[in-house]
Every structure is written in structure tokens, then in C-alpha cells.
């Protein structure tokens, strides 16, 4: 397995991360256990979640995903083999949000309890909090690292200027730095990451663990018309992708997938894995069959002609 470093940290991860946002939403606990077992058995180790997952599901309040992952690690006794990435900062309630030192100190205890562990491998700022000074946020993370509760920190949904500012604050004040970035990045959504963030991440050796790697399922090829929108809870988002550019991307994925005897899902994820800036793209699965297509991407080496074709089809 091609193990990759997260930024300049000592964390080593396989080149695909399981997205835990589906746990407690479209995946129940028994199914989650089966998926995580298969994921680990195949040699992978990075599981991404957040305290807010999956509060949007009816009857949920947040923390469901962390709880399921914690129950799984306890049942399997495998904590030392799993790299757990979770997040803080998304609004759970009007009082529970942001990146103030007090809230970080409180939220981490809740996550540790749900995960049934005494440390988090990668603790990420879920959203930028411009109301809290970066020095205060990074200082709070530093205290967690000193206490052994967190190993490495990362940022999610940061703009390039704010990530650069955070890195400068870390250097100037001898504080821990964000070793990873979690941006929205896929064949359809390229501009935001590639235009500004990618160059900064390469220059600063920041690991990139992108989310929405399959554009909410669009790049799987499951959604070809409005008639397909009812195929999953995410189907309603597909209208944003079904246009000339989206159809061009699907046609190219179809052609390469047919040539390689794999699925469009596998090709779309392989394109991300081949990007020099990308460490381990995040993708979710709700069945072992879906997971197999994701795992296959880590051994599919696209050639330069195929990558050029995908780049051209998805040009923005």
C-alpha cells in the first residue's frame, strides 16, 4: 500500500479516506461495522468524521457518526491501527460553534467520549472562525497537543488567504500548524482548490484530504436525468451538475471506465489520487459493493492520455 504523510507530520495514511458522514444517516451501525471492517481489511486506515455528523438526519442532534466509530473501535480493539480525523467548529447549537479556546476545550472532550479514545489523530477546524483570533485558536490546539489529546491539527473549508495567515501565525508564535486542508475537490468542482489553494498546499507541504470527491454521487454516473434524482437522499443536488460540462465529464468517465473494465466511480477517484497535491481523498460508501469500487481506485494508474482527457472534459 502506498502510505502517504499528512503534511509534515508523522501520520501515515493510505491514499483513500472513508467518509463517516453517512454513519447514523444512510448507514446504520451494523452496516457501518461491516464497511469499516472491509475498509481496514483492505489495508486502509484513515476514517474522517466530525462532531456535527449527522445532525441533519431526522431525530439526530450530532455526534452519531463519532459514536458509531467509537463503538466499532471498542468492539474490534483496533484503535492503534486507525487514524481518526474529526472536526470542531460547525454549529451544533447556537452556543456550540466556532473556534474559541473555551469551545474547543469543551468540544474535544465530547468527541473523545463518543469515540471512546483518549486521543484524536487529526483534529480539524471544520469552518474558519474569523471572530476568533487565529493565535487563540492555534494556542488552544497547542494545549490539546501538549496534553496528548490531539496528535496533529488540520483545517477544513479555509480560503487561501486565511490558511496562509494561519501558517504565518504558527511560525511567528511557535504554535502548531495546520498540517492538512480539507477542501471541496472533485472533477466537477476544481476551480476553488486549483486556482489558489493547491499552490499554497504544495509550497507549504500541506496534506490535502478533499471531500465531496464524487460530487455527492454525480461522478458515479448514477444520475443521468431528473428521473434519477430519487435514487438517493442526495439526488436533489444533481440538478447543479446536469449540464453540458457535467455530461461531458460523465461521457469521458464512461469511456475510460469501459476501456479499463472498471466503474466511473473508480476512474473519478483515481484522477484525484493521481494529483500530486492530494494525499487521501474522502469518499463514502453505503454498501460493500460501493466500497469495492472506491478501493479499486487506489490501484488504477491512469496514464497521461487519460488524465489529459479528464482534465479537458472538466476544464473550467
Protein backbone atom coordinates (compact mmCIF):
# COMPACT_ATOMS: atom_id res chain seq x y z
CA UNK A 1 0.00 0.00 0.00
CA UNK A 2 1.22 3.48 -0.92
CA UNK A 3 1.35 5.16 2.50
CA UNK A 4 1.45 8.95 2.42
CA UNK A 5 2.39 11.51 5.07
CA UNK A 6 -0.17 14.10 6.18
CA UNK A 7 1.76 17.31 5.67
CA UNK A 8 5.00 17.32 7.65
CA UNK A 9 3.51 15.20 10.41
CA UNK A 10 4.33 11.63 11.39
CA UNK A 11 0.83 10.45 10.42
CA UNK A 12 0.96 7.92 7.57
CA UNK A 13 -2.23 7.10 5.70
CA UNK A 14 -3.32 5.05 2.73
CA UNK A 15 -4.46 7.14 -0.29
CA UNK A 16 -8.21 6.92 0.34
CA UNK A 17 -10.16 8.05 3.39
CA UNK A 18 -13.54 6.64 4.41
CA UNK A 19 -16.07 9.44 4.89
CA UNK A 20 -18.05 8.92 8.07
CA UNK A 21 -20.75 11.49 7.27
CA UNK A 22 -23.09 8.66 6.25
CA UNK A 23 -22.96 6.94 9.64
CA UNK A 24 -26.19 7.49 11.54
CA UNK A 25 -27.80 8.83 8.38
CA UNK A 26 -27.92 6.49 5.38
CA UNK A 27 -25.82 3.82 7.13
CA UNK A 28 -26.89 2.18 10.40
CA UNK A 29 -24.43 0.83 12.97
CA UNK A 30 -24.34 -2.85 11.86
CA UNK A 31 -23.73 -1.81 8.25
CA UNK A 32 -21.09 0.70 9.36
CA UNK A 33 -19.23 -2.08 11.18
CA UNK A 34 -19.20 -4.23 8.01
CA UNK A 35 -17.96 -1.33 5.87
CA UNK A 36 -15.25 -0.31 8.30
CA UNK A 37 -14.11 -3.93 8.68
CA UNK A 38 -13.82 -4.29 4.90
CA UNK A 39 -12.03 -0.95 4.65
CA UNK A 40 -9.44 -1.95 7.25
CA UNK A 41 -9.06 -5.48 5.89
CA UNK A 42 -8.11 -3.97 2.54
CA UNK A 43 -5.21 -2.09 4.14
CA UNK A 44 -6.72 1.35 4.66
CA UNK A 45 -6.63 3.33 7.90
CA UNK A 46 -7.93 6.93 7.66
CA UNK A 47 -11.53 7.47 8.80
CA UNK A 48 -12.90 11.01 8.60
CA UNK A 49 -15.80 12.24 10.70
CA UNK A 50 -16.96 15.32 12.63
CA UNK A 51 -18.87 16.14 15.79
CA UNK A 52 -21.68 17.54 13.63
CA UNK A 53 -22.23 14.29 11.68
CA UNK A 54 -25.05 13.50 11.09
CA UNK A 55 -27.18 16.15 12.77
CA UNK A 56 -29.16 16.85 9.58
CA UNK A 57 -30.87 13.46 9.70
CA UNK A 58 -34.33 13.40 11.34
CA UNK A 59 -34.07 12.71 15.05
CA UNK A 60 -30.32 13.35 15.22
CA UNK A 61 -28.52 16.07 17.16
CA UNK A 62 -24.91 15.45 16.09
CA UNK A 63 -22.28 13.04 17.32
CA UNK A 64 -23.94 9.98 15.81
CA UNK A 65 -21.05 9.23 13.45
CA UNK A 66 -18.38 9.55 16.16
CA UNK A 67 -20.44 7.30 18.43
CA UNK A 68 -20.69 4.55 15.81
CA UNK A 69 -16.96 4.75 15.05
CA UNK A 70 -16.19 4.64 18.78
CA UNK A 71 -18.37 1.58 19.27
CA UNK A 72 -16.66 -0.11 16.32
CA UNK A 73 -13.13 0.57 17.60
CA UNK A 74 -14.05 -0.69 21.05
CA UNK A 75 -15.64 -3.84 19.64
CA UNK A 76 -12.64 -4.55 17.41
CA UNK A 77 -9.88 -3.41 19.77
CA UNK A 78 -8.12 -1.75 16.85
CA UNK A 79 -7.64 1.86 17.98
CA UNK A 80 -3.88 1.76 17.36
CA UNK A 81 -4.40 0.79 13.71
CA UNK A 82 -6.94 3.50 12.85
CA UNK A 83 -6.16 7.13 12.02
CA UNK A 84 -9.15 9.09 13.27
CA UNK A 85 -9.82 12.53 11.79
CA UNK A 86 -12.63 14.52 13.32
CA UNK A 87 -13.63 18.17 13.40
CA UNK A 88 -14.80 21.02 15.61
CA UNK A 89 -16.46 24.33 14.87
CA UNK A 90 -19.63 23.56 12.93
CA UNK A 91 -22.70 24.96 14.66
CA UNK A 92 -24.24 22.21 16.78
CA UNK A 93 -26.45 24.66 18.70
CA UNK A 94 -26.33 28.49 18.89
CA UNK A 95 -23.99 28.09 21.89
CA UNK A 96 -21.89 25.25 20.48
CA UNK A 97 -19.98 26.55 17.48
CA UNK A 98 -16.81 28.31 16.39
CA UNK A 99 -13.15 28.00 17.32
CA UNK A 100 -12.81 29.86 20.60
CA UNK A 101 -10.41 28.26 23.10
CA UNK A 102 -13.24 27.59 25.55
CA UNK A 103 -15.39 25.85 22.97
CA UNK A 104 -12.52 23.79 21.56
CA UNK A 105 -11.62 22.63 25.08
CA UNK A 106 -15.21 21.55 25.67
CA UNK A 107 -15.92 20.05 22.25
CA UNK A 108 -12.83 17.86 22.23
CA UNK A 109 -13.94 16.17 25.45
CA UNK A 110 -17.31 15.36 23.89
CA UNK A 111 -15.63 13.90 20.79
CA UNK A 112 -13.18 11.84 22.85
CA UNK A 113 -16.06 10.42 24.89
CA UNK A 114 -18.09 9.48 21.83
CA UNK A 115 -15.05 7.97 20.11
CA UNK A 116 -14.15 6.10 23.33
CA UNK A 117 -10.50 7.07 22.98
CA UNK A 118 -8.06 9.31 24.83
CA UNK A 119 -6.59 10.94 21.71
CA UNK A 120 -7.57 12.16 18.24
CA UNK A 121 -5.06 11.68 15.44
CA UNK A 122 -6.14 14.61 13.27
CA UNK A 123 -8.32 17.34 14.80
CA UNK A 124 -9.63 19.77 12.21
CA UNK A 125 -11.21 23.21 12.25
CA UNK A 126 -14.43 22.46 10.41
CA UNK A 127 -15.03 26.05 9.35
CA UNK A 128 -12.97 29.21 9.60
CA UNK A 129 -13.97 31.43 12.54
CA UNK A 130 -12.98 34.99 11.72
CA UNK A 131 -14.35 36.25 15.05
CA UNK A 132 -11.69 34.34 17.00
CA UNK A 133 -8.04 35.38 16.54
CA UNK A 134 -6.02 32.68 14.81
CA UNK A 135 -3.47 32.85 17.62
CA UNK A 136 -6.16 31.96 20.15
CA UNK A 137 -7.44 29.01 18.10
CA UNK A 138 -3.99 27.62 17.38
CA UNK A 139 -2.99 28.16 21.00
CA UNK A 140 -5.98 26.11 22.14
CA UNK A 141 -5.00 23.31 19.78
CA UNK A 142 -1.45 23.53 21.12
CA UNK A 143 -2.68 22.87 24.64
CA UNK A 144 -4.54 19.76 23.43
CA UNK A 145 -1.38 18.50 21.71
CA UNK A 146 0.67 19.14 24.84
CA UNK A 147 -1.92 17.22 26.86
CA UNK A 148 -1.73 14.26 24.49
CA UNK A 149 -5.36 14.58 23.44
CA UNK A 150 -4.57 15.51 19.83
CA UNK A 151 -1.65 14.47 17.63
CA UNK A 152 -1.98 16.73 14.57
CA UNK A 153 -4.30 19.57 13.51
CA UNK A 154 -5.85 20.43 10.18
CA UNK A 155 -8.20 22.93 8.55
CA UNK A 156 -11.36 22.42 6.55
CA UNK A 157 -13.09 24.94 4.27
CA UNK A 158 -10.37 27.60 4.65
CA UNK A 159 -9.71 30.15 1.92
CA UNK A 160 -6.13 30.51 0.69
CA UNK A 161 -5.51 33.85 2.38
CA UNK A 162 -6.75 32.62 5.75
CA UNK A 163 -4.76 29.39 5.55
CA UNK A 164 -1.66 31.41 4.70
CA UNK A 165 -2.37 33.72 7.65
CA UNK A 166 -2.76 30.73 9.97
CA UNK A 167 0.56 29.27 8.83
CA UNK A 168 2.26 32.63 9.46
CA UNK A 169 0.77 32.86 12.95
CA UNK A 170 2.07 29.36 13.70
CA UNK A 171 5.58 30.33 12.60
CA UNK A 172 5.61 33.71 14.33
CA UNK A 173 4.26 32.47 17.66
CA UNK A 174 5.76 28.96 17.75
CA UNK A 175 2.33 27.33 17.65
CA UNK A 176 1.29 24.06 15.98
CA UNK A 177 0.41 24.49 12.33
CA UNK A 178 -2.34 23.07 10.19
CA UNK A 179 -0.81 20.00 8.55
CA UNK A 180 -3.81 19.29 6.34
CA UNK A 181 -6.53 21.00 4.39
CA UNK A 182 -9.95 19.56 3.64
CA UNK A 183 -11.39 21.38 0.62
CA UNK A 184 -14.27 20.52 -1.65
CA UNK A 185 -12.50 18.99 -4.64
CA UNK A 186 -13.54 16.72 -7.47
CA UNK A 187 -13.59 16.55 -11.28
CA UNK A 188 -16.55 18.94 -11.38
CA UNK A 189 -15.56 21.30 -8.56
CA UNK A 190 -11.97 22.18 -9.45
CA UNK A 191 -11.61 25.94 -9.51
CA UNK A 192 -11.75 26.84 -5.82
CA UNK A 193 -8.94 24.46 -4.90
CA UNK A 194 -6.78 24.63 -8.00
CA UNK A 195 -6.78 28.41 -8.52
CA UNK A 196 -5.37 29.39 -5.12
CA UNK A 197 -5.21 26.66 -2.52
CA UNK A 198 -3.31 23.99 -4.43
CA UNK A 199 -0.17 26.07 -4.97
CA UNK A 200 -0.10 27.06 -1.29
CA UNK A 201 -0.52 23.44 -0.15
CA UNK A 202 2.30 22.25 -2.39
CA UNK A 203 4.60 25.10 -1.32
CA UNK A 204 3.94 24.58 2.40
CA UNK A 205 3.71 20.76 2.29
CA UNK A 206 0.12 20.70 3.48
CA UNK A 207 -1.70 17.38 3.14
CA UNK A 208 -4.91 17.55 1.13
CA UNK A 209 -7.82 15.36 2.22
CA UNK A 210 -10.57 16.62 -0.06
CA UNK A 211 -14.27 15.98 0.49
CA UNK A 212 -17.13 15.58 -1.99
CA UNK A 213 -14.71 13.53 -4.10
CA UNK A 214 -17.56 12.16 -6.20
CA UNK A 215 -19.61 15.39 -6.30
CA UNK A 216 -22.31 14.00 -4.00
CA UNK A 217 -22.54 10.91 -6.18
CA UNK A 218 -22.83 12.63 -9.56
CA UNK A 219 -19.48 11.26 -10.77
CA UNK A 220 -20.62 7.69 -10.15
CA UNK A 221 -22.83 8.05 -13.21
CA UNK A 222 -25.93 7.13 -11.24
CA UNK A 223 -27.72 10.37 -12.11
CA UNK A 224 -28.26 10.94 -15.84
CA UNK A 225 -31.60 12.79 -15.81
CA UNK A 226 -34.15 14.31 -13.44
CA UNK A 227 -35.81 10.90 -13.32
CA UNK A 228 -32.77 9.65 -11.39
CA UNK A 229 -32.92 12.26 -8.61
CA UNK A 230 -34.99 9.98 -6.37
CA UNK A 231 -32.29 7.30 -6.25
CA UNK A 232 -30.78 8.63 -3.01
CA UNK A 233 -31.17 11.38 -0.37
CA UNK A 234 -28.53 13.37 -2.27
CA UNK A 235 -30.35 13.17 -5.59
CA UNK A 236 -31.85 16.62 -5.25
CA UNK A 237 -28.41 18.17 -5.60
CA UNK A 238 -27.82 16.68 -9.03
CA UNK A 239 -29.57 19.44 -10.97
CA UNK A 240 -26.48 21.60 -10.35
CA UNK A 241 -24.33 19.14 -12.31
CA UNK A 242 -26.59 18.03 -15.18
CA UNK A 243 -25.41 20.49 -17.80
CA UNK A 244 -23.17 20.43 -20.87
CA UNK A 245 -19.96 20.32 -18.82
CA UNK A 246 -21.29 17.68 -16.44
CA UNK A 247 -22.43 15.46 -19.31
CA UNK A 248 -19.02 15.87 -20.96
CA UNK A 249 -17.30 14.72 -17.77
CA UNK A 250 -19.61 11.68 -17.48
CA UNK A 251 -19.02 10.72 -21.10
CA UNK A 252 -15.25 10.78 -20.58
CA UNK A 253 -15.52 8.80 -17.35
CA UNK A 254 -17.72 6.25 -19.15
CA UNK A 255 -15.23 5.82 -21.98
CA UNK A 256 -12.19 5.36 -19.73
CA UNK A 257 -14.13 3.09 -17.37
CA UNK A 258 -15.17 0.88 -20.28
CA UNK A 259 -11.60 0.75 -21.60
CA UNK A 260 -10.27 -0.24 -18.17
CA UNK A 261 -13.18 -2.52 -17.20
CA UNK A 262 -13.88 -0.52 -14.03
CA UNK A 263 -16.64 1.83 -12.90
CA UNK A 264 -16.83 5.60 -13.44
CA UNK A 265 -16.56 5.89 -9.66
CA UNK A 266 -13.16 4.19 -9.74
CA UNK A 267 -11.88 6.46 -12.51
CA UNK A 268 -13.10 9.67 -10.84
CA UNK A 269 -11.38 8.79 -7.57
CA UNK A 270 -8.22 7.59 -9.33
CA UNK A 271 -7.96 11.01 -11.03
CA UNK A 272 -7.85 12.64 -7.58
CA UNK A 273 -5.36 10.14 -6.15
CA UNK A 274 -3.03 10.83 -9.09
CA UNK A 275 -2.99 14.58 -8.39
CA UNK A 276 0.42 15.44 -6.84
CA UNK A 277 -1.18 17.75 -4.27
CA UNK A 278 -3.71 15.21 -2.99
CA UNK A 279 -2.97 12.95 -0.01
CA UNK A 280 -6.14 10.91 0.52
CA UNK A 281 -9.48 11.96 -0.97
CA UNK A 282 -12.53 11.25 1.16
CA UNK A 283 -15.41 9.19 -0.20
CA UNK A 284 -18.33 7.42 1.42
CA UNK A 285 -19.99 4.10 0.73
CA UNK A 286 -23.27 2.65 1.91
CA UNK A 287 -22.60 -0.90 0.70
CA UNK A 288 -19.61 -3.18 0.32
CA UNK A 289 -20.14 -3.15 -3.45
CA UNK A 290 -19.72 0.63 -3.48
CA UNK A 291 -16.66 0.34 -1.26
CA UNK A 292 -15.03 -2.10 -3.69
CA UNK A 293 -15.25 0.49 -6.47
CA UNK A 294 -13.54 3.06 -4.24
CA UNK A 295 -10.79 0.67 -3.17
CA UNK A 296 -10.15 -0.22 -6.83
CA UNK A 297 -9.22 3.41 -7.49
CA UNK A 298 -6.09 3.07 -5.38
CA UNK A 299 -4.60 0.51 -7.78
CA UNK A 300 -5.82 2.08 -11.03
CA UNK A 301 -2.93 4.06 -12.52
CA UNK A 302 -4.35 6.40 -15.15
CA UNK A 303 -1.95 7.17 -17.98
CA UNK A 304 -1.12 10.69 -19.15
CA UNK A 305 -3.57 10.47 -22.06
CA UNK A 306 -6.45 9.52 -19.77
CA UNK A 307 -5.62 12.25 -17.28
CA UNK A 308 -5.40 14.79 -20.11
CA UNK A 309 -8.80 13.67 -21.39
CA UNK A 310 -10.36 14.09 -17.94
CA UNK A 311 -8.69 17.46 -17.47
CA UNK A 312 -10.02 18.60 -20.82
CA UNK A 313 -13.55 17.36 -20.24
CA UNK A 314 -13.70 19.07 -16.83
CA UNK A 315 -11.91 22.28 -17.87
CA UNK A 316 -13.42 25.33 -16.21
